[in-house]
Every structure is written in structure tokens, then in C-alpha cells.
Amino acid sequence: QEHGLIADHQPDQFNAEALVEKLVQNEVMKKTRILFPGANIARKTIVDGLTAYGAEVLPVTVYRTVTVETLPDEIIPMLEQKMIHLVTFASSSTVRAFTQALGEHGLTSLEGVTIACVGPVTRSTARDVGLSVDIMPEEASISALIDAIVQYRHHSQ
């Protein structure tokens, strides 16, 4: 809105599947040409979903996600000494990048650390790499994640 854009459609759940479902509720997507800017590693859910309903989707990579090979030196000792209580993940790519960057320390450095994921797709990725997810809000949004973390911490103290 601050850039003069107003969303015509907004799904009830904030994920790709819900957006596709919202957009294809009627036949208006057929023969619609859509420019879809995104990341180089973006899931194909929206492109494939809209294409399946007859839209012509033109995906364009407008940014690239670059991962680090290692974490800053102080992070592993802080995890191992339980100086970090919570790790948040707002996307599947952050889950994969973080767990790869743990390197030889692996997931054992996360034992006893609370894991919070923004939504079901991120949670699924976290579980796939071996993480135990403690927090996931009902609504996949950052504000809902923050609320869920506050509520979890309040009840766990």
C-alpha cells in the first residue's frame, strides 16, 4: 500500500496453495497472462497451479538466494552452551541453509533449543531435515509467528 499497490485478492491462509485456490475460484484466470517475479529457488506451486487452470504464467527471477557456507564463529558455542533458547525459520530455504551451515556440528547443537516455523511448508522442511518443531502459528505470517512465540514462552516459564 505504501507504494500505491492494493491487493485485489488475499487468501485466508498465507501460503502458495491458498493463493492459487483463491485466484482460481472462478474462471477468470483462464487465458490470463501473469508476470510472476520471484526468487531463483522459489517453489513452483503458484506457477504450476495457475498454469493448470489455464493462465499463462511468465516466471522471472528477480533475486537470488545465496547461502553462507558456515555460521559466524560464536554461534555454535552459544547453541551448545544453551545461550540461545529459540531459533526461528520464516522459509524452507532458511531451514536448509541453516542446517547445512551447522556442518559437522549437526543437529545435536540444537538439542534443547526451541524451534519455531512460520507455517506448514516450513515446518515440513524442518521435519524433513530432522528438526523437532515446537511452535507454528495457525496463520502463516510473521506477526502470527511472533504472537505464537510470545504465547509459548509465556506458558513455558
N, C-alpha and C. Protein backbone atom coordinates (compact mmCIF):
# COMPACT_ATOMS: atom_id res chain seq x y z
N GLN A 1 0.81 -1.19 0.00
CA GLN A 1 0.00 0.00 0.00
C GLN A 1 0.86 1.26 0.00
N GLU A 2 1.99 1.22 0.72
CA GLU A 2 2.84 2.41 0.77
C GLU A 2 3.46 2.73 -0.58
N HIS A 3 3.42 1.78 -1.51
CA HIS A 3 3.92 2.01 -2.87
C HIS A 3 2.79 2.21 -3.87
N GLY A 4 1.58 2.40 -3.37
CA GLY A 4 0.44 2.66 -4.24
C GLY A 4 -0.21 1.42 -4.82
N LEU A 5 0.12 0.25 -4.30
CA LEU A 5 -0.47 -1.00 -4.79
C LEU A 5 -1.45 -1.54 -3.76
N ILE A 6 -2.57 -2.00 -4.24
CA ILE A 6 -3.58 -2.59 -3.36
C ILE A 6 -3.90 -3.99 -3.87
N ALA A 7 -3.88 -4.95 -2.98
CA ALA A 7 -4.15 -6.34 -3.36
C ALA A 7 -5.63 -6.51 -3.68
N ASP A 8 -5.90 -7.11 -4.84
CA ASP A 8 -7.28 -7.41 -5.22
C ASP A 8 -7.76 -8.69 -4.55
N HIS A 9 -6.84 -9.61 -4.31
CA HIS A 9 -7.17 -10.90 -3.71
C HIS A 9 -6.17 -11.20 -2.61
N GLN A 10 -6.67 -11.70 -1.50
CA GLN A 10 -5.81 -12.11 -0.41
C GLN A 10 -6.39 -13.39 0.18
N PRO A 11 -5.58 -14.45 0.22
CA PRO A 11 -6.09 -15.72 0.73
C PRO A 11 -6.27 -15.67 2.25
N ASP A 12 -7.08 -16.60 2.75
CA ASP A 12 -7.27 -16.70 4.20
C ASP A 12 -6.02 -17.22 4.88
N GLN A 13 -5.31 -18.12 4.21
CA GLN A 13 -4.04 -18.64 4.72
C GLN A 13 -2.93 -18.07 3.86
N PHE A 14 -1.80 -17.77 4.46
CA PHE A 14 -0.72 -17.11 3.75
C PHE A 14 0.29 -18.13 3.23
N ASN A 15 -0.11 -18.88 2.21
CA ASN A 15 0.82 -19.80 1.55
C ASN A 15 0.44 -19.90 0.08
N ALA A 16 1.33 -20.48 -0.70
CA ALA A 16 1.15 -20.54 -2.15
C ALA A 16 -0.11 -21.31 -2.54
N GLU A 17 -0.36 -22.41 -1.87
CA GLU A 17 -1.52 -23.23 -2.20
C GLU A 17 -2.82 -22.45 -2.01
N ALA A 18 -2.91 -21.71 -0.91
CA ALA A 18 -4.12 -20.94 -0.63
C ALA A 18 -4.29 -19.79 -1.62
N LEU A 19 -3.18 -19.20 -2.05
CA LEU A 19 -3.27 -18.12 -3.04
C LEU A 19 -3.79 -18.65 -4.37
N VAL A 20 -3.27 -19.78 -4.81
CA VAL A 20 -3.76 -20.39 -6.06
C VAL A 20 -5.25 -20.68 -5.93
N GLU A 21 -5.64 -21.29 -4.83
CA GLU A 21 -7.05 -21.63 -4.62
C GLU A 21 -7.93 -20.38 -4.67
N LYS A 22 -7.47 -19.31 -4.06
CA LYS A 22 -8.24 -18.06 -4.05
C LYS A 22 -8.38 -17.49 -5.46
N LEU A 23 -7.28 -17.52 -6.23
CA LEU A 23 -7.29 -16.92 -7.56
C LEU A 23 -8.10 -17.71 -8.58
N VAL A 24 -8.24 -19.00 -8.36
CA VAL A 24 -8.92 -19.83 -9.37
C VAL A 24 -10.36 -20.18 -8.96
N GLN A 25 -10.90 -19.47 -7.99
CA GLN A 25 -12.26 -19.76 -7.53
C GLN A 25 -13.29 -19.60 -8.64
N ASN A 26 -12.97 -18.82 -9.63
CA ASN A 26 -13.87 -18.72 -10.78
C ASN A 26 -13.02 -18.86 -12.04
N GLU A 27 -13.61 -18.71 -13.17
CA GLU A 27 -12.94 -18.99 -14.44
C GLU A 27 -12.09 -17.83 -14.96
N VAL A 28 -11.95 -16.75 -14.21
CA VAL A 28 -11.28 -15.56 -14.74
C VAL A 28 -9.79 -15.75 -15.02
N MET A 29 -9.17 -16.77 -14.47
CA MET A 29 -7.74 -16.96 -14.68
C MET A 29 -7.43 -17.57 -16.05
N LYS A 30 -8.39 -18.19 -16.67
CA LYS A 30 -8.14 -18.79 -17.98
C LYS A 30 -7.74 -17.70 -18.97
N LYS A 31 -6.69 -17.99 -19.69
CA LYS A 31 -6.16 -17.09 -20.72
C LYS A 31 -5.64 -15.77 -20.14
N THR A 32 -5.39 -15.72 -18.84
CA THR A 32 -4.81 -14.53 -18.23
C THR A 32 -3.30 -14.67 -18.27
N ARG A 33 -2.62 -13.63 -18.73
CA ARG A 33 -1.16 -13.65 -18.78
C ARG A 33 -0.64 -12.95 -17.52
N ILE A 34 0.17 -13.67 -16.74
CA ILE A 34 0.62 -13.19 -15.44
C ILE A 34 2.15 -13.15 -15.41
N LEU A 35 2.71 -12.00 -15.05
CA LEU A 35 4.14 -11.90 -14.80
C LEU A 35 4.35 -12.23 -13.34
N PHE A 36 5.24 -13.20 -13.07
CA PHE A 36 5.43 -13.68 -11.70
C PHE A 36 6.89 -13.51 -11.29
N PRO A 37 7.26 -12.33 -10.74
CA PRO A 37 8.63 -12.13 -10.26
C PRO A 37 8.86 -12.93 -8.98
N GLY A 38 10.05 -13.51 -8.85
CA GLY A 38 10.34 -14.30 -7.66
C GLY A 38 11.81 -14.63 -7.53
N ALA A 39 12.10 -15.48 -6.58
CA ALA A 39 13.48 -15.89 -6.30
C ALA A 39 13.88 -17.06 -7.18
N ASN A 40 15.18 -17.24 -7.30
CA ASN A 40 15.69 -18.35 -8.10
C ASN A 40 15.33 -19.71 -7.51
N ILE A 41 15.05 -19.77 -6.23
CA ILE A 41 14.75 -21.06 -5.60
C ILE A 41 13.28 -21.16 -5.18
N ALA A 42 12.45 -20.26 -5.68
CA ALA A 42 11.03 -20.27 -5.30
C ALA A 42 10.37 -21.58 -5.70
N ARG A 43 9.44 -22.03 -4.85
CA ARG A 43 8.66 -23.21 -5.20
C ARG A 43 7.84 -22.90 -6.45
N LYS A 44 7.49 -23.92 -7.19
CA LYS A 44 6.74 -23.77 -8.44
C LYS A 44 5.23 -23.88 -8.22
N THR A 45 4.80 -23.89 -6.99
CA THR A 45 3.39 -24.12 -6.66
C THR A 45 2.46 -23.13 -7.34
N ILE A 46 2.77 -21.85 -7.27
CA ILE A 46 1.89 -20.84 -7.85
C ILE A 46 1.91 -20.92 -9.37
N VAL A 47 3.11 -21.00 -9.94
CA VAL A 47 3.23 -21.08 -11.40
C VAL A 47 2.49 -22.30 -11.93
N ASP A 48 2.77 -23.46 -11.35
CA ASP A 48 2.13 -24.70 -11.80
C ASP A 48 0.62 -24.68 -11.55
N GLY A 49 0.22 -24.18 -10.39
CA GLY A 49 -1.20 -24.15 -10.04
C GLY A 49 -2.01 -23.27 -10.97
N LEU A 50 -1.51 -22.07 -11.24
CA LEU A 50 -2.24 -21.16 -12.13
C LEU A 50 -2.22 -21.65 -13.57
N THR A 51 -1.10 -22.23 -13.98
CA THR A 51 -1.00 -22.79 -15.34
C THR A 51 -2.02 -23.91 -15.53
N ALA A 52 -2.19 -24.73 -14.50
CA ALA A 52 -3.15 -25.84 -14.57
C ALA A 52 -4.58 -25.33 -14.78
N TYR A 53 -4.85 -24.11 -14.35
CA TYR A 53 -6.18 -23.53 -14.52
C TYR A 53 -6.28 -22.66 -15.77
N GLY A 54 -5.29 -22.75 -16.65
CA GLY A 54 -5.38 -22.06 -17.93
C GLY A 54 -4.71 -20.71 -18.02
N ALA A 55 -4.06 -20.27 -16.97
CA ALA A 55 -3.34 -18.99 -17.03
C ALA A 55 -2.00 -19.21 -17.73
N GLU A 56 -1.49 -18.16 -18.34
CA GLU A 56 -0.15 -18.20 -18.91
C GLU A 56 0.75 -17.43 -17.95
N VAL A 57 1.58 -18.16 -17.22
CA VAL A 57 2.41 -17.55 -16.18
C VAL A 57 3.84 -17.43 -16.69
N LEU A 58 4.37 -16.21 -16.59
CA LEU A 58 5.73 -15.93 -17.02
C LEU A 58 6.59 -15.69 -15.79
N PRO A 59 7.28 -16.74 -15.29
CA PRO A 59 8.12 -16.54 -14.11
C PRO A 59 9.40 -15.79 -14.48
N VAL A 60 9.80 -14.84 -13.65
CA VAL A 60 11.01 -14.07 -13.86
C VAL A 60 11.80 -14.05 -12.56
N THR A 61 13.05 -14.47 -12.62
CA THR A 61 13.90 -14.42 -11.43
C THR A 61 14.36 -12.98 -11.23
N VAL A 62 13.98 -12.39 -10.09
CA VAL A 62 14.37 -11.01 -9.80
C VAL A 62 15.37 -10.92 -8.65
N TYR A 63 15.57 -12.03 -7.95
CA TYR A 63 16.63 -12.05 -6.96
C TYR A 63 17.08 -13.49 -6.74
N ARG A 64 18.30 -13.62 -6.24
CA ARG A 64 18.88 -14.93 -5.99
C ARG A 64 19.16 -15.09 -4.51
N THR A 65 18.79 -16.23 -3.99
CA THR A 65 19.08 -16.55 -2.60
C THR A 65 20.47 -17.16 -2.55
N VAL A 66 21.33 -16.55 -1.76
CA VAL A 66 22.71 -17.03 -1.62
C VAL A 66 22.90 -17.47 -0.18
N THR A 67 23.38 -18.68 0.01
CA THR A 67 23.57 -19.19 1.37
C THR A 67 25.03 -19.06 1.78
N VAL A 68 25.23 -18.98 3.09
CA VAL A 68 26.58 -18.96 3.63
C VAL A 68 27.03 -20.40 3.83
N GLU A 69 28.33 -20.62 3.81
CA GLU A 69 28.83 -21.98 3.99
C GLU A 69 29.00 -22.33 5.46
N THR A 70 29.28 -21.33 6.27
CA THR A 70 29.46 -21.57 7.71
C THR A 70 28.77 -20.46 8.49
N LEU A 71 28.46 -20.77 9.72
CA LEU A 71 27.86 -19.77 10.62
C LEU A 71 28.97 -18.94 11.25
N PRO A 72 28.66 -17.75 11.74
CA PRO A 72 29.67 -16.99 12.48
C PRO A 72 30.24 -17.83 13.63
N ASP A 73 31.51 -17.65 13.92
CA ASP A 73 32.22 -18.48 14.90
C ASP A 73 31.53 -18.60 16.25
N GLU A 74 30.89 -17.54 16.70
CA GLU A 74 30.32 -17.56 18.05
C GLU A 74 29.00 -18.33 18.15
N ILE A 75 28.36 -18.64 17.05
CA ILE A 75 27.01 -19.23 17.10
C ILE A 75 27.01 -20.66 17.64
N ILE A 76 27.88 -21.52 17.15
CA ILE A 76 27.89 -22.92 17.61
C ILE A 76 28.13 -23.01 19.12
N PRO A 77 29.17 -22.34 19.67
CA PRO A 77 29.34 -22.39 21.13
C PRO A 77 28.12 -21.86 21.89
N MET A 78 27.49 -20.83 21.36
CA MET A 78 26.30 -20.30 22.03
C MET A 78 25.17 -21.32 22.03
N LEU A 79 25.01 -22.04 20.93
CA LEU A 79 23.99 -23.09 20.87
C LEU A 79 24.32 -24.21 21.85
N GLU A 80 25.57 -24.66 21.82
CA GLU A 80 25.98 -25.78 22.67
C GLU A 80 25.91 -25.44 24.15
N GLN A 81 26.14 -24.18 24.51
CA GLN A 81 26.08 -23.75 25.91
C GLN A 81 24.68 -23.29 26.31
N LYS A 82 23.72 -23.54 25.44
CA LYS A 82 22.31 -23.20 25.69
C LYS A 82 22.11 -21.70 25.96
N MET A 83 22.93 -20.88 25.31
CA MET A 83 22.79 -19.43 25.42
C MET A 83 21.75 -18.92 24.43
N ILE A 84 21.38 -19.75 23.47
CA ILE A 84 20.31 -19.43 22.53
C ILE A 84 19.14 -20.34 22.86
N HIS A 85 17.99 -19.75 23.09
CA HIS A 85 16.82 -20.52 23.53
C HIS A 85 15.87 -20.87 22.39
N LEU A 86 15.92 -20.09 21.32
CA LEU A 86 14.92 -20.21 20.27
C LEU A 86 15.55 -19.91 18.91
N VAL A 87 15.19 -20.72 17.91
CA VAL A 87 15.59 -20.46 16.52
C VAL A 87 14.31 -20.36 15.70
N THR A 88 14.20 -19.29 14.92
CA THR A 88 13.02 -19.10 14.09
C THR A 88 13.35 -19.34 12.62
N PHE A 89 12.39 -19.90 11.91
CA PHE A 89 12.53 -20.12 10.48
C PHE A 89 11.31 -19.55 9.77
N ALA A 90 11.56 -18.63 8.83
CA ALA A 90 10.48 -17.99 8.09
C ALA A 90 10.33 -18.54 6.67
N SER A 91 11.18 -19.50 6.31
CA SER A 91 11.06 -20.11 4.98
C SER A 91 11.80 -21.44 4.96
N SER A 92 11.45 -22.26 4.00
CA SER A 92 12.14 -23.55 3.84
C SER A 92 13.60 -23.35 3.49
N SER A 93 13.90 -22.30 2.72
CA SER A 93 15.29 -22.07 2.34
C SER A 93 16.15 -21.72 3.55
N THR A 94 15.58 -21.04 4.55
CA THR A 94 16.36 -20.75 5.75
C THR A 94 16.61 -22.02 6.55
N VAL A 95 15.66 -22.91 6.58
CA VAL A 95 15.86 -24.20 7.26
C VAL A 95 17.02 -24.95 6.62
N ARG A 96 16.96 -25.10 5.30
CA ARG A 96 18.01 -25.85 4.60
C ARG A 96 19.37 -25.18 4.75
N ALA A 97 19.42 -23.86 4.57
CA ALA A 97 20.69 -23.14 4.65
C ALA A 97 21.29 -23.22 6.05
N PHE A 98 20.45 -23.04 7.06
CA PHE A 98 20.95 -23.07 8.44
C PHE A 98 21.46 -24.45 8.81
N THR A 99 20.70 -25.48 8.50
CA THR A 99 21.14 -26.83 8.89
C THR A 99 22.38 -27.25 8.11
N GLN A 100 22.52 -26.80 6.86
CA GLN A 100 23.75 -27.09 6.12
C GLN A 100 24.93 -26.33 6.72
N ALA A 101 24.70 -25.09 7.14
CA ALA A 101 25.77 -24.28 7.72
C ALA A 101 26.21 -24.80 9.09
N LEU A 102 25.37 -25.59 9.75
CA LEU A 102 25.79 -26.20 11.02
C LEU A 102 26.97 -27.13 10.81
N GLY A 103 27.06 -27.67 9.60
CA GLY A 103 28.20 -28.51 9.24
C GLY A 103 28.37 -29.70 10.15
N GLU A 104 29.60 -29.93 10.58
CA GLU A 104 29.94 -31.11 11.39
C GLU A 104 29.25 -31.12 12.75
N HIS A 105 28.81 -29.97 13.20
CA HIS A 105 28.13 -29.89 14.50
C HIS A 105 26.74 -30.50 14.42
N GLY A 106 26.15 -30.43 13.25
CA GLY A 106 24.86 -31.06 13.01
C GLY A 106 23.76 -30.60 13.94
N LEU A 107 22.72 -31.40 13.94
CA LEU A 107 21.53 -31.06 14.71
C LEU A 107 21.71 -31.23 16.21
N THR A 108 22.75 -31.93 16.64
CA THR A 108 22.96 -32.11 18.08
C THR A 108 23.16 -30.78 18.79
N SER A 109 23.70 -29.79 18.08
CA SER A 109 23.89 -28.48 18.70
C SER A 109 22.56 -27.77 18.96
N LEU A 110 21.48 -28.29 18.39
CA LEU A 110 20.15 -27.69 18.59
C LEU A 110 19.33 -28.41 19.65
N GLU A 111 19.89 -29.42 20.28
CA GLU A 111 19.15 -30.15 21.32
C GLU A 111 18.79 -29.20 22.45
N GLY A 112 17.52 -29.20 22.81
CA GLY A 112 17.05 -28.33 23.89
C GLY A 112 16.71 -26.92 23.45
N VAL A 113 16.92 -26.62 22.17
CA VAL A 113 16.59 -25.30 21.63
C VAL A 113 15.18 -25.37 21.03
N THR A 114 14.35 -24.39 21.33
CA THR A 114 13.00 -24.33 20.79
C THR A 114 13.07 -23.93 19.32
N ILE A 115 12.35 -24.66 18.48
CA ILE A 115 12.32 -24.38 17.04
C ILE A 115 10.93 -23.84 16.68
N ALA A 116 10.92 -22.69 16.01
CA ALA A 116 9.66 -22.06 15.58
C ALA A 116 9.66 -21.88 14.07
N CYS A 117 8.58 -22.29 13.43
CA CYS A 117 8.43 -22.17 11.97
C CYS A 117 7.19 -21.34 11.65
N VAL A 118 7.29 -20.55 10.59
CA VAL A 118 6.21 -19.63 10.22
C VAL A 118 4.95 -20.32 9.74
N GLY A 119 5.08 -21.50 9.14
CA GLY A 119 3.89 -22.16 8.60
C GLY A 119 4.14 -23.61 8.26
N PRO A 120 3.14 -24.29 7.70
CA PRO A 120 3.23 -25.72 7.46
C PRO A 120 4.28 -26.14 6.43
N VAL A 121 4.54 -25.34 5.43
CA VAL A 121 5.56 -25.71 4.43
C VAL A 121 6.94 -25.67 5.08
N THR A 122 7.21 -24.62 5.83
CA THR A 122 8.49 -24.50 6.53
C THR A 122 8.62 -25.60 7.58
N ARG A 123 7.55 -25.87 8.31
CA ARG A 123 7.58 -26.95 9.31
C ARG A 123 7.89 -28.29 8.65
N SER A 124 7.29 -28.56 7.52
CA SER A 124 7.53 -29.81 6.80
C SER A 124 9.00 -29.95 6.41
N THR A 125 9.58 -28.86 5.91
CA THR A 125 11.00 -28.88 5.56
C THR A 125 11.85 -29.11 6.80
N ALA A 126 11.51 -28.44 7.89
CA ALA A 126 12.26 -28.61 9.14
C ALA A 126 12.21 -30.07 9.61
N ARG A 127 11.05 -30.66 9.56
CA ARG A 127 10.92 -32.06 9.96
C ARG A 127 11.71 -32.97 9.01
N ASP A 128 11.68 -32.65 7.72
CA ASP A 128 12.41 -33.46 6.73
C ASP A 128 13.91 -33.49 7.00
N VAL A 129 14.46 -32.39 7.54
CA VAL A 129 15.90 -32.37 7.82
C VAL A 129 16.21 -32.86 9.23
N GLY A 130 15.18 -33.26 9.98
CA GLY A 130 15.40 -33.85 11.29
C GLY A 130 15.15 -32.95 12.48
N LEU A 131 14.58 -31.79 12.26
CA LEU A 131 14.29 -30.89 13.38
C LEU A 131 12.94 -31.23 14.00
N SER A 132 12.85 -31.00 15.29
CA SER A 132 11.59 -31.14 16.01
C SER A 132 11.03 -29.73 16.18
N VAL A 133 9.87 -29.48 15.59
CA VAL A 133 9.29 -28.13 15.61
C VAL A 133 8.37 -27.98 16.81
N ASP A 134 8.62 -26.95 17.60
CA ASP A 134 7.86 -26.69 18.82
C ASP A 134 6.74 -25.68 18.61
N ILE A 135 6.94 -24.74 17.70
CA ILE A 135 6.00 -23.64 17.53
C ILE A 135 5.68 -23.45 16.05
N MET A 136 4.39 -23.37 15.74
CA MET A 136 3.94 -22.98 14.41
C MET A 136 2.57 -22.35 14.57
N PRO A 137 2.42 -21.10 14.17
CA PRO A 137 1.12 -20.44 14.33
C PRO A 137 0.07 -21.00 13.38
N GLU A 138 -1.19 -20.77 13.70
CA GLU A 138 -2.28 -21.20 12.82
C GLU A 138 -2.24 -20.45 11.50
N GLU A 139 -1.91 -19.17 11.54
CA GLU A 139 -1.80 -18.35 10.34
C GLU A 139 -0.33 -18.22 9.98
N ALA A 140 0.01 -18.48 8.74
CA ALA A 140 1.41 -18.42 8.30
C ALA A 140 1.80 -16.99 7.98
N SER A 141 2.08 -16.22 9.03
CA SER A 141 2.55 -14.85 8.87
C SER A 141 3.55 -14.54 9.97
N ILE A 142 4.39 -13.55 9.73
CA ILE A 142 5.41 -13.20 10.73
C ILE A 142 4.75 -12.69 12.01
N SER A 143 3.72 -11.88 11.88
CA SER A 143 3.07 -11.37 13.09
C SER A 143 2.44 -12.50 13.91
N ALA A 144 1.86 -13.48 13.23
CA ALA A 144 1.29 -14.64 13.94
C ALA A 144 2.39 -15.48 14.57
N LEU A 145 3.53 -15.59 13.89
CA LEU A 145 4.67 -16.33 14.46
C LEU A 145 5.15 -15.66 15.74
N ILE A 146 5.27 -14.35 15.71
CA ILE A 146 5.70 -13.62 16.90
C ILE A 146 4.72 -13.85 18.05
N ASP A 147 3.44 -13.74 17.76
CA ASP A 147 2.43 -13.98 18.80
C ASP A 147 2.53 -15.40 19.36
N ALA A 148 2.74 -16.38 18.49
CA ALA A 148 2.85 -17.77 18.92
C ALA A 148 4.08 -17.98 19.79
N ILE A 149 5.17 -17.32 19.44
CA ILE A 149 6.40 -17.43 20.24
C ILE A 149 6.18 -16.82 21.62
N VAL A 150 5.59 -15.65 21.67
CA VAL A 150 5.32 -14.99 22.96
C VAL A 150 4.43 -15.87 23.82
N GLN A 151 3.38 -16.42 23.23
CA GLN A 151 2.47 -17.29 23.97
C GLN A 151 3.20 -18.54 24.48
N TYR A 152 4.01 -19.15 23.64
CA TYR A 152 4.76 -20.35 24.01
C TYR A 152 5.71 -20.04 25.17
N ARG A 153 6.45 -18.95 25.05
CA ARG A 153 7.41 -18.58 26.10
C ARG A 153 6.68 -18.26 27.40
N HIS A 154 5.54 -17.62 27.30
CA HIS A 154 4.76 -17.28 28.49
C HIS A 154 4.32 -18.54 29.23
N HIS A 155 3.88 -19.55 28.46
CA HIS A 155 3.38 -20.78 29.08
C HIS A 155 4.51 -21.71 29.52
N SER A 156 5.71 -21.53 28.98
CA SER A 156 6.80 -22.45 29.33
C SER A 156 7.66 -21.94 30.48
N GLN A 157 7.32 -20.78 31.01
CA GLN A 157 8.12 -20.24 32.12
C GLN A 157 7.44 -20.45 33.45
